[in-house]
Amino acid sequence: MSVFEAIMLVCFGASWPFSVYKSWKTKNVEGKSGIFLVHVLLGYLAGITHKIVYNLDIVLALYVLNALLVASDVSLWIRYRNHD
């Protein structure tokens, strides 16, 4: 297990719950880029694939958690992108 990889995922992933909550509460995704969110999600999916294929360890849980949070943000972006 890479401690530094885990720290990076925790630090980077700490912002997603706030982003999801804000989108859900305000029903406003202005300023968010759907393309950016999808690219981040694809990055997490690549990390998950790497962990499963090459280096299965507990850090996989952080990738999965972050991917789920970003997927939630993507779904809220899709739902509220045309919301007035």
C-alpha atoms as a PDB file:
ATOM      1  CA  MET A   1       0.000   0.000   0.000  1.00  0.00           C
ATOM      2  CA  SER A   2       1.218   3.468  -0.831  1.00  0.00           C
ATOM      3  CA  VAL A   3       0.620   5.826   2.075  1.00  0.00           C
ATOM      4  CA  PHE A   4       1.174   8.802  -0.212  1.00  0.00           C
ATOM      5  CA  GLU A   5      -1.427   7.551  -2.684  1.00  0.00           C
ATOM      6  CA  ALA A   6      -3.904   7.150   0.161  1.00  0.00           C
ATOM      7  CA  ILE A   7      -3.170  10.666   1.463  1.00  0.00           C
ATOM      8  CA  MET A   8      -3.641  12.100  -2.031  1.00  0.00           C
ATOM      9  CA  LEU A   9      -6.990  10.344  -2.427  1.00  0.00           C
ATOM     10  CA  VAL A  10      -8.196  11.483   0.997  1.00  0.00           C
ATOM     11  CA  CYS A  11      -7.139  15.084   0.389  1.00  0.00           C
ATOM     12  CA  PHE A  12      -8.516  15.276  -3.118  1.00  0.00           C
ATOM     13  CA  GLY A  13     -11.649  13.340  -2.206  1.00  0.00           C
ATOM     14  CA  ALA A  14     -12.466  15.592   0.747  1.00  0.00           C
ATOM     15  CA  SER A  15     -13.927  18.207  -1.609  1.00  0.00           C
ATOM     16  CA  TRP A  16     -16.440  15.935  -3.333  1.00  0.00           C
ATOM     17  CA  PRO A  17     -18.978  15.643  -0.490  1.00  0.00           C
ATOM     18  CA  PHE A  18     -19.188  19.449  -0.325  1.00  0.00           C
ATOM     19  CA  SER A  19     -19.611  19.715  -4.087  1.00  0.00           C
ATOM     20  CA  VAL A  20     -22.355  17.068  -4.139  1.00  0.00           C
ATOM     21  CA  TYR A  21     -24.136  18.627  -1.172  1.00  0.00           C
ATOM     22  CA  LYS A  22     -24.050  22.101  -2.703  1.00  0.00           C
ATOM     23  CA  SER A  23     -25.454  20.861  -6.030  1.00  0.00           C
ATOM     24  CA  TRP A  24     -28.152  18.849  -4.300  1.00  0.00           C
ATOM     25  CA  LYS A  25     -29.166  21.600  -1.881  1.00  0.00           C
ATOM     26  CA  THR A  26     -29.163  24.535  -4.315  1.00  0.00           C
ATOM     27  CA  LYS A  27     -30.215  22.580  -7.418  1.00  0.00           C
ATOM     28  CA  ASN A  28     -27.677  24.750  -9.238  1.00  0.00           C
ATOM     29  CA  VAL A  29     -24.662  23.422 -11.122  1.00  0.00           C
ATOM     30  CA  GLU A  30     -23.644  26.699 -12.731  1.00  0.00           C
ATOM     31  CA  GLY A  31     -19.889  26.906 -13.034  1.00  0.00           C
ATOM     32  CA  LYS A  32     -19.432  23.124 -13.052  1.00  0.00           C
ATOM     33  CA  SER A  33     -18.175  21.436 -16.184  1.00  0.00           C
ATOM     34  CA  GLY A  34     -19.761  18.128 -17.062  1.00  0.00           C
ATOM     35  CA  ILE A  35     -16.782  17.268 -19.242  1.00  0.00           C
ATOM     36  CA  PHE A  36     -14.411  17.890 -16.333  1.00  0.00           C
ATOM     37  CA  LEU A  37     -16.502  15.748 -13.984  1.00  0.00           C
ATOM     38  CA  VAL A  38     -16.601  12.881 -16.478  1.00  0.00           C
ATOM     39  CA  HIS A  39     -12.834  13.086 -16.985  1.00  0.00           C
ATOM     40  CA  VAL A  40     -12.250  12.925 -13.233  1.00  0.00           C
ATOM     41  CA  LEU A  41     -14.624   9.946 -13.006  1.00  0.00           C
ATOM     42  CA  LEU A  42     -12.745   8.198 -15.817  1.00  0.00           C
ATOM     43  CA  GLY A  43      -9.501   8.815 -13.925  1.00  0.00           C
ATOM     44  CA  TYR A  44     -10.906   7.180 -10.810  1.00  0.00           C
ATOM     45  CA  LEU A  45     -12.185   4.240 -12.879  1.00  0.00           C
ATOM     46  CA  ALA A  46      -8.696   3.844 -14.331  1.00  0.00           C
ATOM     47  CA  GLY A  47      -7.264   3.878 -10.798  1.00  0.00           C
ATOM     48  CA  ILE A  48      -9.790   1.232  -9.727  1.00  0.00           C
ATOM     49  CA  THR A  49      -8.866  -0.922 -12.713  1.00  0.00           C
ATOM     50  CA  HIS A  50      -5.168  -0.573 -11.921  1.00  0.00           C
ATOM     51  CA  LYS A  51      -5.723  -1.567  -8.304  1.00  0.00           C
ATOM     52  CA  ILE A  52      -7.754  -4.631  -9.273  1.00  0.00           C
ATOM     53  CA  VAL A  53      -5.371  -5.809 -12.008  1.00  0.00           C
ATOM     54  CA  TYR A  54      -1.942  -4.910 -10.599  1.00  0.00           C
ATOM     55  CA  ASN A  55      -1.955  -3.905  -6.953  1.00  0.00           C
ATOM     56  CA  LEU A  56      -5.015  -4.948  -4.974  1.00  0.00           C
ATOM     57  CA  ASP A  57      -4.973  -3.260  -1.575  1.00  0.00           C
ATOM     58  CA  ILE A  58      -7.144  -1.233   0.787  1.00  0.00           C
ATOM     59  CA  VAL A  59      -6.540   1.991  -1.172  1.00  0.00           C
ATOM     60  CA  LEU A  60      -9.040   0.573  -3.681  1.00  0.00           C
ATOM     61  CA  ALA A  61     -11.788   1.564  -1.216  1.00  0.00           C
ATOM     62  CA  LEU A  62     -10.730   5.227  -1.476  1.00  0.00           C
ATOM     63  CA  TYR A  63     -10.855   5.087  -5.271  1.00  0.00           C
ATOM     64  CA  VAL A  64     -14.329   3.527  -5.135  1.00  0.00           C
ATOM     65  CA  LEU A  65     -15.601   6.075  -2.595  1.00  0.00           C
ATOM     66  CA  ASN A  66     -14.282   9.000  -4.640  1.00  0.00           C
ATOM     67  CA  ALA A  67     -15.691   7.524  -7.866  1.00  0.00           C
ATOM     68  CA  LEU A  68     -19.118   7.165  -6.255  1.00  0.00           C
ATOM     69  CA  LEU A  69     -19.036  10.767  -5.074  1.00  0.00           C
ATOM     70  CA  VAL A  70     -18.010  12.053  -8.498  1.00  0.00           C
ATOM     71  CA  ALA A  71     -20.671   9.867 -10.152  1.00  0.00           C
ATOM     72  CA  SER A  72     -23.213  11.464  -7.807  1.00  0.00           C
ATOM     73  CA  ASP A  73     -22.003  14.899  -8.830  1.00  0.00           C
ATOM     74  CA  VAL A  74     -22.232  13.911 -12.515  1.00  0.00           C
ATOM     75  CA  SER A  75     -25.804  12.718 -12.044  1.00  0.00           C
ATOM     76  CA  LEU A  76     -26.746  15.961 -10.278  1.00  0.00           C
ATOM     77  CA  TRP A  77     -25.065  17.944 -13.040  1.00  0.00           C
ATOM     78  CA  ILE A  78     -27.130  16.071 -15.641  1.00  0.00           C
ATOM     79  CA  ARG A  79     -30.321  16.588 -13.658  1.00  0.00           C
ATOM     80  CA  TYR A  80     -29.859  20.295 -12.912  1.00  0.00           C
ATOM     81  CA  ARG A  81     -27.885  21.576 -15.916  1.00  0.00           C
ATOM     82  CA  ASN A  82     -30.964  23.168 -17.498  1.00  0.00           C
ATOM     83  CA  HIS A  83     -32.616  24.112 -14.208  1.00  0.00           C
ATOM     84  CA  ASP A  84     -33.685  27.757 -13.962  1.00  0.00           C
END
